[in-house]
Amino acid sequence: MADLSVDQIQEIRVNVLGAAAKVPGALIGLGILFIILGMIGTAGQVLFSLISVNVLGIFLFAGGVLQGIHAFKSSGWKSVSIQMVFAVLYVAAAIYVWAFPIPALEAITLWLAAIFLSPASCA
């Protein structure tokens, strides 16, 4: 393999990189900018996931409270007992989601994967 002179290397660099070869600092700056934006994007995904799971917890808690209120307005012990069981389950799920957001996100992800990858959805 022949040794290349500095001029030949410079010419190859200009041919490969084009106008960007004349401003190497801009390429370095863009690389640093893309790394920073990628880190922000990754952190944003985690932040938005935690926010969405907390919103889910709020909805679960509100649903449990409303279910409990509705249970007390119902008549018949069977109707009241079943609705109270569901109200307690909703509130318990809300507390679990708030106490353990990461496992809750994992459970939600697996649940969605099962729904979207089920044979019925592939038809």
N, C-alpha and C. Protein backbone atom coordinates (compact mmCIF):
# COMPACT_ATOMS: atom_id res chain seq x y z
N MET A 1 0.83 -1.16 0.00
CA MET A 1 0.00 0.00 0.00
C MET A 1 0.89 1.23 0.00
N ALA A 2 0.58 2.15 -0.86
CA ALA A 2 1.43 3.33 -1.02
C ALA A 2 1.12 4.33 0.09
N ASP A 3 2.16 5.03 0.52
CA ASP A 3 1.99 6.09 1.50
C ASP A 3 1.42 7.32 0.80
N LEU A 4 0.47 7.96 1.45
CA LEU A 4 -0.15 9.15 0.89
C LEU A 4 0.48 10.38 1.48
N SER A 5 0.60 11.38 0.65
CA SER A 5 1.14 12.65 1.14
C SER A 5 0.03 13.43 1.84
N VAL A 6 0.40 14.46 2.53
CA VAL A 6 -0.55 15.30 3.25
C VAL A 6 -1.53 15.94 2.27
N ASP A 7 -1.05 16.36 1.12
CA ASP A 7 -1.91 16.97 0.11
C ASP A 7 -2.94 15.97 -0.42
N GLN A 8 -2.51 14.74 -0.63
CA GLN A 8 -3.44 13.72 -1.11
C GLN A 8 -4.51 13.40 -0.06
N ILE A 9 -4.08 13.35 1.18
CA ILE A 9 -5.04 13.10 2.26
C ILE A 9 -6.04 14.25 2.35
N GLN A 10 -5.56 15.47 2.22
CA GLN A 10 -6.44 16.64 2.25
C GLN A 10 -7.42 16.61 1.09
N GLU A 11 -6.96 16.21 -0.09
CA GLU A 11 -7.83 16.15 -1.26
C GLU A 11 -8.91 15.07 -1.08
N ILE A 12 -8.53 13.92 -0.55
CA ILE A 12 -9.50 12.85 -0.29
C ILE A 12 -10.53 13.32 0.74
N ARG A 13 -10.04 13.99 1.77
CA ARG A 13 -10.93 14.50 2.82
C ARG A 13 -11.94 15.49 2.24
N VAL A 14 -11.48 16.39 1.37
CA VAL A 14 -12.39 17.36 0.75
C VAL A 14 -13.38 16.65 -0.16
N ASN A 15 -12.93 15.62 -0.90
CA ASN A 15 -13.83 14.89 -1.78
C ASN A 15 -14.90 14.12 -1.00
N VAL A 16 -14.52 13.56 0.13
CA VAL A 16 -15.46 12.76 0.91
C VAL A 16 -16.41 13.66 1.70
N LEU A 17 -15.88 14.65 2.38
CA LEU A 17 -16.70 15.48 3.25
C LEU A 17 -17.27 16.71 2.57
N GLY A 18 -16.76 17.08 1.45
CA GLY A 18 -17.27 18.24 0.72
C GLY A 18 -16.96 19.53 1.47
N ALA A 19 -17.96 20.41 1.54
CA ALA A 19 -17.77 21.72 2.17
C ALA A 19 -17.54 21.59 3.67
N ALA A 20 -18.01 20.50 4.28
CA ALA A 20 -17.84 20.33 5.73
C ALA A 20 -16.38 20.13 6.10
N ALA A 21 -15.55 19.70 5.15
CA ALA A 21 -14.14 19.49 5.45
C ALA A 21 -13.42 20.81 5.72
N LYS A 22 -13.96 21.89 5.21
CA LYS A 22 -13.33 23.19 5.41
C LYS A 22 -13.59 23.74 6.81
N VAL A 23 -14.62 23.24 7.49
CA VAL A 23 -14.99 23.73 8.82
C VAL A 23 -15.11 22.54 9.77
N PRO A 24 -13.99 21.96 10.22
CA PRO A 24 -14.09 20.78 11.09
C PRO A 24 -14.69 21.09 12.45
N GLY A 25 -14.56 22.33 12.90
CA GLY A 25 -15.15 22.70 14.19
C GLY A 25 -16.66 22.60 14.16
N ALA A 26 -17.26 22.87 13.00
CA ALA A 26 -18.72 22.78 12.88
C ALA A 26 -19.17 21.34 13.03
N LEU A 27 -18.41 20.40 12.48
CA LEU A 27 -18.76 18.99 12.64
C LEU A 27 -18.66 18.55 14.08
N ILE A 28 -17.63 19.00 14.77
CA ILE A 28 -17.47 18.67 16.18
C ILE A 28 -18.61 19.29 16.98
N GLY A 29 -18.93 20.54 16.68
CA GLY A 29 -20.04 21.21 17.38
C GLY A 29 -21.37 20.51 17.15
N LEU A 30 -21.62 20.10 15.89
CA LEU A 30 -22.86 19.37 15.61
C LEU A 30 -22.89 18.04 16.34
N GLY A 31 -21.75 17.36 16.41
CA GLY A 31 -21.68 16.10 17.14
C GLY A 31 -22.01 16.28 18.61
N ILE A 32 -21.45 17.31 19.21
CA ILE A 32 -21.73 17.59 20.62
C ILE A 32 -23.20 17.96 20.80
N LEU A 33 -23.74 18.78 19.88
CA LEU A 33 -25.16 19.16 19.96
C LEU A 33 -26.06 17.94 19.86
N PHE A 34 -25.75 17.02 18.94
CA PHE A 34 -26.58 15.82 18.78
C PHE A 34 -26.49 14.93 20.01
N ILE A 35 -25.34 14.85 20.64
CA ILE A 35 -25.21 14.06 21.87
C ILE A 35 -26.07 14.67 22.97
N ILE A 36 -26.02 15.99 23.11
CA ILE A 36 -26.82 16.66 24.14
C ILE A 36 -28.31 16.49 23.87
N LEU A 37 -28.72 16.67 22.61
CA LEU A 37 -30.14 16.51 22.28
C LEU A 37 -30.60 15.07 22.47
N GLY A 38 -29.75 14.11 22.19
CA GLY A 38 -30.09 12.71 22.43
C GLY A 38 -30.27 12.42 23.90
N MET A 39 -29.41 13.00 24.73
CA MET A 39 -29.54 12.81 26.18
C MET A 39 -30.83 13.45 26.69
N ILE A 40 -31.16 14.63 26.19
CA ILE A 40 -32.41 15.29 26.58
C ILE A 40 -33.60 14.46 26.13
N GLY A 41 -33.55 13.94 24.92
CA GLY A 41 -34.65 13.11 24.41
C GLY A 41 -34.84 11.84 25.23
N THR A 42 -33.75 11.21 25.63
CA THR A 42 -33.84 10.01 26.45
C THR A 42 -34.40 10.34 27.83
N ALA A 43 -33.91 11.40 28.43
CA ALA A 43 -34.41 11.81 29.74
C ALA A 43 -35.87 12.23 29.64
N GLY A 44 -36.24 12.85 28.54
CA GLY A 44 -37.63 13.27 28.34
C GLY A 44 -38.57 12.07 28.29
N GLN A 45 -38.14 10.98 27.67
CA GLN A 45 -38.97 9.78 27.62
C GLN A 45 -39.23 9.25 29.02
N VAL A 46 -38.20 9.21 29.84
CA VAL A 46 -38.36 8.73 31.21
C VAL A 46 -39.27 9.67 31.99
N LEU A 47 -39.04 10.96 31.86
CA LEU A 47 -39.85 11.95 32.57
C LEU A 47 -41.32 11.86 32.16
N PHE A 48 -41.58 11.79 30.85
CA PHE A 48 -42.96 11.73 30.39
C PHE A 48 -43.62 10.41 30.78
N SER A 49 -42.86 9.34 30.84
CA SER A 49 -43.41 8.06 31.30
C SER A 49 -43.83 8.15 32.75
N LEU A 50 -42.98 8.76 33.58
CA LEU A 50 -43.33 8.90 35.00
C LEU A 50 -44.52 9.83 35.19
N ILE A 51 -44.60 10.87 34.38
CA ILE A 51 -45.75 11.77 34.48
C ILE A 51 -47.02 11.04 34.07
N SER A 52 -46.95 10.27 32.98
CA SER A 52 -48.16 9.58 32.51
C SER A 52 -48.61 8.51 33.50
N VAL A 53 -47.68 7.83 34.17
CA VAL A 53 -48.09 6.82 35.14
C VAL A 53 -48.70 7.49 36.38
N ASN A 54 -48.25 8.69 36.74
CA ASN A 54 -48.88 9.41 37.85
C ASN A 54 -50.28 9.88 37.47
N VAL A 55 -50.46 10.30 36.23
CA VAL A 55 -51.80 10.67 35.77
C VAL A 55 -52.72 9.44 35.80
N LEU A 56 -52.19 8.29 35.41
CA LEU A 56 -52.97 7.06 35.49
C LEU A 56 -53.38 6.79 36.94
N GLY A 57 -52.45 7.00 37.87
CA GLY A 57 -52.78 6.83 39.28
C GLY A 57 -53.88 7.76 39.74
N ILE A 58 -53.86 8.99 39.27
CA ILE A 58 -54.92 9.95 39.61
C ILE A 58 -56.26 9.47 39.08
N PHE A 59 -56.28 8.99 37.83
CA PHE A 59 -57.52 8.49 37.24
C PHE A 59 -58.03 7.25 37.98
N LEU A 60 -57.11 6.36 38.36
CA LEU A 60 -57.52 5.18 39.11
C LEU A 60 -58.12 5.57 40.46
N PHE A 61 -57.49 6.50 41.15
CA PHE A 61 -57.99 6.94 42.45
C PHE A 61 -59.36 7.60 42.29
N ALA A 62 -59.50 8.48 41.32
CA ALA A 62 -60.78 9.15 41.09
C ALA A 62 -61.86 8.13 40.73
N GLY A 63 -61.50 7.15 39.89
CA GLY A 63 -62.46 6.11 39.53
C GLY A 63 -62.87 5.28 40.73
N GLY A 64 -61.92 4.97 41.62
CA GLY A 64 -62.25 4.22 42.82
C GLY A 64 -63.17 4.99 43.76
N VAL A 65 -62.89 6.27 43.94
CA VAL A 65 -63.74 7.10 44.80
C VAL A 65 -65.15 7.20 44.21
N LEU A 66 -65.25 7.46 42.91
CA LEU A 66 -66.56 7.56 42.27
C LEU A 66 -67.30 6.22 42.31
N GLN A 67 -66.59 5.13 42.15
CA GLN A 67 -67.20 3.80 42.24
C GLN A 67 -67.74 3.55 43.64
N GLY A 68 -66.97 3.97 44.66
CA GLY A 68 -67.43 3.83 46.04
C GLY A 68 -68.66 4.66 46.33
N ILE A 69 -68.68 5.89 45.84
CA ILE A 69 -69.85 6.75 46.02
C ILE A 69 -71.07 6.13 45.35
N HIS A 70 -70.86 5.61 44.15
CA HIS A 70 -71.96 4.97 43.43
C HIS A 70 -72.44 3.72 44.16
N ALA A 71 -71.51 2.99 44.78
CA ALA A 71 -71.89 1.78 45.50
C ALA A 71 -72.81 2.10 46.66
N PHE A 72 -72.55 3.19 47.38
CA PHE A 72 -73.40 3.55 48.51
C PHE A 72 -74.78 4.03 48.07
N LYS A 73 -74.89 4.50 46.84
CA LYS A 73 -76.19 4.94 46.34
C LYS A 73 -76.98 3.79 45.72
N SER A 74 -76.34 2.64 45.53
CA SER A 74 -77.01 1.49 44.93
C SER A 74 -77.86 0.78 45.98
N SER A 75 -78.74 -0.08 45.48
CA SER A 75 -79.57 -0.87 46.40
C SER A 75 -79.26 -2.35 46.20
N GLY A 76 -79.43 -3.12 47.24
CA GLY A 76 -79.15 -4.55 47.18
C GLY A 76 -77.73 -4.84 47.62
N TRP A 77 -77.55 -5.81 48.49
CA TRP A 77 -76.23 -6.07 49.06
C TRP A 77 -75.25 -6.62 48.02
N LYS A 78 -75.76 -7.37 47.02
CA LYS A 78 -74.85 -7.92 46.00
C LYS A 78 -74.25 -6.80 45.16
N SER A 79 -75.08 -5.88 44.75
CA SER A 79 -74.60 -4.77 43.93
C SER A 79 -73.62 -3.90 44.70
N VAL A 80 -73.94 -3.61 45.95
CA VAL A 80 -73.08 -2.76 46.77
C VAL A 80 -71.76 -3.45 47.04
N SER A 81 -71.79 -4.72 47.38
CA SER A 81 -70.54 -5.42 47.73
C SER A 81 -69.61 -5.53 46.54
N ILE A 82 -70.13 -5.86 45.39
CA ILE A 82 -69.26 -5.99 44.21
C ILE A 82 -68.68 -4.64 43.82
N GLN A 83 -69.50 -3.61 43.86
CA GLN A 83 -69.00 -2.28 43.51
C GLN A 83 -67.97 -1.79 44.52
N MET A 84 -68.16 -2.12 45.80
CA MET A 84 -67.17 -1.73 46.81
C MET A 84 -65.85 -2.48 46.61
N VAL A 85 -65.93 -3.74 46.20
CA VAL A 85 -64.71 -4.50 45.91
C VAL A 85 -63.94 -3.83 44.78
N PHE A 86 -64.67 -3.46 43.72
CA PHE A 86 -63.99 -2.79 42.60
C PHE A 86 -63.45 -1.43 43.02
N ALA A 87 -64.17 -0.70 43.85
CA ALA A 87 -63.70 0.60 44.32
C ALA A 87 -62.41 0.44 45.11
N VAL A 88 -62.37 -0.56 45.99
CA VAL A 88 -61.15 -0.80 46.77
C VAL A 88 -60.00 -1.22 45.86
N LEU A 89 -60.29 -2.03 44.84
CA LEU A 89 -59.23 -2.44 43.90
C LEU A 89 -58.68 -1.25 43.12
N TYR A 90 -59.57 -0.36 42.70
CA TYR A 90 -59.11 0.84 41.99
C TYR A 90 -58.21 1.70 42.87
N VAL A 91 -58.62 1.92 44.11
CA VAL A 91 -57.82 2.75 45.02
C VAL A 91 -56.51 2.06 45.34
N ALA A 92 -56.53 0.75 45.54
CA ALA A 92 -55.30 0.00 45.81
C ALA A 92 -54.35 0.07 44.61
N ALA A 93 -54.90 -0.03 43.41
CA ALA A 93 -54.07 0.08 42.21
C ALA A 93 -53.47 1.48 42.10
N ALA A 94 -54.23 2.50 42.45
CA ALA A 94 -53.71 3.87 42.41
C ALA A 94 -52.56 4.04 43.40
N ILE A 95 -52.72 3.50 44.60
CA ILE A 95 -51.66 3.60 45.60
C ILE A 95 -50.42 2.85 45.14
N TYR A 96 -50.62 1.67 44.54
CA TYR A 96 -49.48 0.89 44.03
C TYR A 96 -48.75 1.67 42.94
N VAL A 97 -49.51 2.28 42.03
CA VAL A 97 -48.90 3.04 40.92
C VAL A 97 -48.09 4.21 41.46
N TRP A 98 -48.62 4.89 42.47
CA TRP A 98 -47.88 6.02 43.05
C TRP A 98 -46.66 5.56 43.84
N ALA A 99 -46.79 4.43 44.53
CA ALA A 99 -45.68 3.95 45.37
C ALA A 99 -44.57 3.32 44.55
N PHE A 100 -44.94 2.62 43.48
CA PHE A 100 -43.96 1.90 42.66
C PHE A 100 -44.17 2.23 41.18
N PRO A 101 -43.73 3.41 40.72
CA PRO A 101 -44.03 3.80 39.33
C PRO A 101 -43.30 2.95 38.28
N ILE A 102 -42.07 2.54 38.56
CA ILE A 102 -41.33 1.78 37.54
C ILE A 102 -41.94 0.40 37.32
N PRO A 103 -42.22 -0.40 38.38
CA PRO A 103 -42.90 -1.67 38.12
C PRO A 103 -44.28 -1.49 37.49
N ALA A 104 -44.96 -0.39 37.83
CA ALA A 104 -46.25 -0.13 37.20
C ALA A 104 -46.08 0.12 35.70
N LEU A 105 -45.03 0.86 35.33
CA LEU A 105 -44.75 1.08 33.90
C LEU A 105 -44.43 -0.24 33.20
N GLU A 106 -43.67 -1.10 33.88
CA GLU A 106 -43.35 -2.40 33.29
C GLU A 106 -44.61 -3.22 33.08
N ALA A 107 -45.49 -3.21 34.07
CA ALA A 107 -46.73 -3.98 33.96
C ALA A 107 -47.60 -3.43 32.82
N ILE A 108 -47.69 -2.11 32.72
CA ILE A 108 -48.48 -1.50 31.65
C ILE A 108 -47.88 -1.84 30.28
N THR A 109 -46.57 -1.81 30.19
CA THR A 109 -45.90 -2.14 28.92
C THR A 109 -46.17 -3.57 28.52
N LEU A 110 -46.04 -4.50 29.47
CA LEU A 110 -46.32 -5.91 29.15
C LEU A 110 -47.78 -6.12 28.79
N TRP A 111 -48.67 -5.42 29.49
CA TRP A 111 -50.10 -5.54 29.19
C TRP A 111 -50.40 -5.04 27.77
N LEU A 112 -49.82 -3.90 27.41
CA LEU A 112 -50.03 -3.37 26.05
C LEU A 112 -49.42 -4.28 25.00
N ALA A 113 -48.24 -4.83 25.29
CA ALA A 113 -47.62 -5.76 24.34
C ALA A 113 -48.49 -6.99 24.14
N ALA A 114 -49.07 -7.50 25.21
CA ALA A 114 -49.96 -8.67 25.09
C ALA A 114 -51.18 -8.33 24.27
N ILE A 115 -51.71 -7.13 24.44
CA ILE A 115 -52.89 -6.73 23.67
C ILE A 115 -52.54 -6.58 22.19
N PHE A 116 -51.44 -5.87 21.89
CA PHE A 116 -51.10 -5.58 20.51
C PHE A 116 -50.54 -6.78 19.77
N LEU A 117 -49.98 -7.74 20.48
CA LEU A 117 -49.39 -8.90 19.84
C LEU A 117 -50.24 -10.15 19.96
N SER A 118 -51.46 -9.99 20.42
CA SER A 118 -52.35 -11.16 20.55
C SER A 118 -52.78 -11.61 19.15
N PRO A 119 -53.10 -12.89 19.01
CA PRO A 119 -53.51 -13.38 17.68
C PRO A 119 -54.72 -12.67 17.12
N ALA A 120 -55.62 -12.21 17.99
CA ALA A 120 -56.82 -11.53 17.50
C ALA A 120 -56.47 -10.20 16.84
N SER A 121 -55.44 -9.52 17.33
CA SER A 121 -55.08 -8.23 16.75
C SER A 121 -54.26 -8.38 15.48
N CYS A 122 -53.75 -9.56 15.22
CA CYS A 122 -52.92 -9.77 14.02
C CYS A 122 -53.74 -10.13 12.81
N ALA A 123 -55.01 -10.34 12.97
CA ALA A 123 -55.86 -10.76 11.85
C ALA A 123 -56.13 -9.63 10.90
